[in-house]
Each structure stands twice: as structure tokens, then as C-alpha cells.
Amino acid sequence: MSGTIYTETLIYAAPEQFVNDAPYQLAIVTLEDGRRLTARIAEKSGGRVQIGDKVELAEYRDGIPFFRKV
């Protein structure tokens, strides 16, 4: 699964279950078929993504999709 970054943000004040991950990047990814998906960006994916970057699915962790830069 791949797509393009529609928008992104860094989370510094995370919910309790993700507080140890902060800061982390969330993004809305426009998939190839036009649907949009909220996902996390894999920490070791080559740095932060920006609007317009191409990404691909890296893995699912506890049902959460993680994408990385292509």
C-alpha cells in the first residue's frame, strides 16, 4: 500500500498509551485509490515526511498503520 502525504503534524502531548513515543509524527495519507488514511510515520524512515512526499506501508503495530518515505 502506498500513497502521498496530504498533511502531517508532530505530537508532543500524547495520550497516555503513547506518551513514551512522544514526539511522533502523524499524517493523513492519500492512498492510490483516492481514499485517505490517518497513520503514523515510522521513526527510522529517513526523517520527517512533508506534504507531497510519497510513502509506503512499513508495518502495522497493534492495528495502527506505520508508513515510511519511499
N, C-alpha and C. Protein backbone atom coordinates (compact mmCIF):
# COMPACT_ATOMS: atom_id res chain seq x y z
N MET A 1 0.86 -1.16 0.00
CA MET A 1 0.00 0.00 0.00
C MET A 1 0.91 1.23 0.00
N SER A 2 0.59 2.17 -0.87
CA SER A 2 1.40 3.38 -0.94
C SER A 2 0.48 4.58 -1.17
N GLY A 3 1.06 5.76 -1.01
CA GLY A 3 0.28 6.98 -1.18
C GLY A 3 1.14 8.22 -1.08
N THR A 4 0.48 9.35 -0.86
CA THR A 4 1.12 10.66 -0.78
C THR A 4 0.66 11.36 0.49
N ILE A 5 1.57 12.07 1.14
CA ILE A 5 1.22 12.79 2.37
C ILE A 5 0.31 13.96 2.02
N TYR A 6 -0.89 13.97 2.61
CA TYR A 6 -1.86 15.04 2.43
C TYR A 6 -1.60 16.16 3.45
N THR A 7 -1.35 15.76 4.71
CA THR A 7 -0.99 16.70 5.77
C THR A 7 -0.28 15.92 6.87
N GLU A 8 0.43 16.63 7.74
CA GLU A 8 1.18 15.97 8.81
C GLU A 8 1.30 16.88 10.00
N THR A 9 1.60 16.28 11.15
CA THR A 9 1.83 17.05 12.37
C THR A 9 2.71 16.25 13.32
N LEU A 10 3.38 16.94 14.22
CA LEU A 10 4.16 16.28 15.28
C LEU A 10 3.34 16.31 16.56
N ILE A 11 3.27 15.18 17.24
CA ILE A 11 2.55 15.07 18.51
C ILE A 11 3.55 15.13 19.65
N TYR A 12 3.42 16.15 20.50
CA TYR A 12 4.28 16.30 21.67
C TYR A 12 3.54 15.91 22.94
N ALA A 13 2.25 16.24 23.03
CA ALA A 13 1.42 15.91 24.19
C ALA A 13 0.55 14.71 23.80
N ALA A 14 1.10 13.53 23.99
CA ALA A 14 0.46 12.30 23.52
C ALA A 14 -0.54 11.76 24.55
N PRO A 15 -1.52 10.97 24.06
CA PRO A 15 -2.40 10.27 25.00
C PRO A 15 -1.57 9.30 25.84
N GLU A 16 -2.13 8.91 26.98
CA GLU A 16 -1.40 8.09 27.95
C GLU A 16 -0.74 6.85 27.34
N GLN A 17 -1.43 6.15 26.44
CA GLN A 17 -0.88 4.91 25.89
C GLN A 17 0.30 5.15 24.94
N PHE A 18 0.49 6.39 24.48
CA PHE A 18 1.58 6.70 23.56
C PHE A 18 2.58 7.71 24.13
N VAL A 19 2.48 8.01 25.41
CA VAL A 19 3.33 9.05 26.00
C VAL A 19 4.82 8.73 25.86
N ASN A 20 5.18 7.46 25.89
CA ASN A 20 6.60 7.09 25.76
C ASN A 20 7.11 7.23 24.32
N ASP A 21 6.20 7.36 23.36
CA ASP A 21 6.59 7.53 21.96
C ASP A 21 6.81 8.99 21.57
N ALA A 22 6.30 9.92 22.36
CA ALA A 22 6.34 11.34 22.00
C ALA A 22 7.77 11.86 21.99
N PRO A 23 8.09 12.77 21.10
CA PRO A 23 7.24 13.25 20.00
C PRO A 23 7.23 12.25 18.83
N TYR A 24 6.10 12.16 18.16
CA TYR A 24 5.97 11.30 16.99
C TYR A 24 5.14 12.01 15.93
N GLN A 25 5.28 11.55 14.71
CA GLN A 25 4.62 12.21 13.58
C GLN A 25 3.39 11.42 13.15
N LEU A 26 2.28 12.14 13.01
CA LEU A 26 1.04 11.60 12.44
C LEU A 26 0.86 12.24 11.08
N ALA A 27 0.24 11.50 10.18
CA ALA A 27 -0.01 12.04 8.85
C ALA A 27 -1.33 11.50 8.31
N ILE A 28 -1.93 12.26 7.44
CA ILE A 28 -3.04 11.75 6.64
C ILE A 28 -2.45 11.45 5.27
N VAL A 29 -2.62 10.19 4.86
CA VAL A 29 -2.05 9.70 3.62
C VAL A 29 -3.17 9.53 2.60
N THR A 30 -3.01 10.12 1.42
CA THR A 30 -3.93 9.88 0.32
C THR A 30 -3.43 8.64 -0.41
N LEU A 31 -4.23 7.57 -0.35
CA LEU A 31 -3.83 6.32 -0.99
C LEU A 31 -4.01 6.41 -2.49
N GLU A 32 -3.46 5.44 -3.20
CA GLU A 32 -3.50 5.44 -4.67
C GLU A 32 -4.92 5.48 -5.23
N ASP A 33 -5.89 4.89 -4.49
CA ASP A 33 -7.28 4.86 -4.97
C ASP A 33 -8.08 6.09 -4.55
N GLY A 34 -7.41 7.07 -3.89
CA GLY A 34 -8.06 8.31 -3.50
C GLY A 34 -8.58 8.35 -2.08
N ARG A 35 -8.67 7.20 -1.41
CA ARG A 35 -9.08 7.20 0.00
C ARG A 35 -7.98 7.82 0.85
N ARG A 36 -8.36 8.30 2.03
CA ARG A 36 -7.38 8.88 2.96
C ARG A 36 -7.36 8.07 4.24
N LEU A 37 -6.18 7.97 4.82
CA LEU A 37 -5.95 7.15 5.99
C LEU A 37 -5.06 7.92 6.96
N THR A 38 -5.44 7.95 8.23
CA THR A 38 -4.59 8.54 9.26
C THR A 38 -3.60 7.48 9.71
N ALA A 39 -2.33 7.83 9.76
CA ALA A 39 -1.29 6.85 10.08
C ALA A 39 -0.14 7.52 10.80
N ARG A 40 0.69 6.69 11.41
CA ARG A 40 1.93 7.18 12.00
C ARG A 40 3.05 7.00 11.00
N ILE A 41 4.10 7.79 11.18
CA ILE A 41 5.28 7.68 10.34
C ILE A 41 6.34 6.91 11.14
N ALA A 42 6.88 5.87 10.52
CA ALA A 42 7.89 5.04 11.18
C ALA A 42 9.09 5.89 11.58
N GLU A 43 9.55 5.71 12.81
CA GLU A 43 10.62 6.55 13.36
C GLU A 43 11.89 6.51 12.54
N LYS A 44 12.26 5.34 12.05
CA LYS A 44 13.52 5.20 11.32
C LYS A 44 13.26 5.11 9.83
N SER A 45 12.47 6.06 9.34
CA SER A 45 12.05 6.00 7.93
C SER A 45 12.77 7.01 7.06
N GLY A 46 13.83 7.59 7.56
CA GLY A 46 14.55 8.58 6.77
C GLY A 46 14.15 10.00 7.15
N GLY A 47 13.59 10.18 8.33
CA GLY A 47 13.25 11.51 8.79
C GLY A 47 11.78 11.84 8.62
N ARG A 48 11.45 13.07 8.96
CA ARG A 48 10.06 13.54 8.86
C ARG A 48 9.61 13.55 7.42
N VAL A 49 8.33 13.32 7.24
CA VAL A 49 7.73 13.48 5.92
C VAL A 49 7.12 14.87 5.83
N GLN A 50 6.94 15.32 4.61
CA GLN A 50 6.32 16.62 4.35
C GLN A 50 5.17 16.42 3.37
N ILE A 51 4.30 17.41 3.31
CA ILE A 51 3.18 17.36 2.38
C ILE A 51 3.72 17.12 0.97
N GLY A 52 3.11 16.13 0.30
CA GLY A 52 3.52 15.80 -1.06
C GLY A 52 4.50 14.65 -1.17
N ASP A 53 5.12 14.25 -0.04
CA ASP A 53 6.06 13.13 -0.08
C ASP A 53 5.34 11.83 -0.40
N LYS A 54 6.00 10.96 -1.13
CA LYS A 54 5.50 9.61 -1.41
C LYS A 54 5.88 8.70 -0.26
N VAL A 55 4.93 7.86 0.17
CA VAL A 55 5.17 6.95 1.28
C VAL A 55 4.62 5.57 0.94
N GLU A 56 5.11 4.58 1.70
CA GLU A 56 4.60 3.21 1.54
C GLU A 56 4.38 2.62 2.93
N LEU A 57 3.48 1.66 3.01
CA LEU A 57 3.19 1.00 4.28
C LEU A 57 4.42 0.23 4.74
N ALA A 58 4.86 0.48 5.97
CA ALA A 58 6.00 -0.22 6.54
C ALA A 58 5.54 -1.42 7.35
N GLU A 59 4.51 -1.21 8.18
CA GLU A 59 4.01 -2.28 9.05
C GLU A 59 2.75 -1.81 9.79
N TYR A 60 2.09 -2.76 10.42
CA TYR A 60 1.01 -2.47 11.36
C TYR A 60 1.51 -2.83 12.74
N ARG A 61 1.28 -1.95 13.72
CA ARG A 61 1.60 -2.23 15.12
C ARG A 61 0.33 -2.04 15.93
N ASP A 62 -0.15 -3.09 16.52
CA ASP A 62 -1.38 -3.03 17.31
C ASP A 62 -2.52 -2.39 16.53
N GLY A 63 -2.61 -2.72 15.24
CA GLY A 63 -3.69 -2.21 14.40
C GLY A 63 -3.46 -0.82 13.84
N ILE A 64 -2.32 -0.22 14.14
CA ILE A 64 -2.02 1.13 13.66
C ILE A 64 -1.07 1.03 12.47
N PRO A 65 -1.44 1.64 11.32
CA PRO A 65 -0.54 1.60 10.16
C PRO A 65 0.63 2.57 10.34
N PHE A 66 1.82 2.11 10.00
CA PHE A 66 3.02 2.93 10.02
C PHE A 66 3.54 3.00 8.59
N PHE A 67 3.75 4.22 8.11
CA PHE A 67 4.27 4.44 6.76
C PHE A 67 5.69 4.95 6.84
N ARG A 68 6.42 4.81 5.72
CA ARG A 68 7.79 5.35 5.62
C ARG A 68 7.93 6.01 4.25
N LYS A 69 8.89 6.94 4.18
CA LYS A 69 9.20 7.61 2.91
C LYS A 69 9.68 6.62 1.87
N VAL A 70 9.28 6.84 0.64
CA VAL A 70 9.74 5.97 -0.46
C VAL A 70 11.11 6.45 -0.91
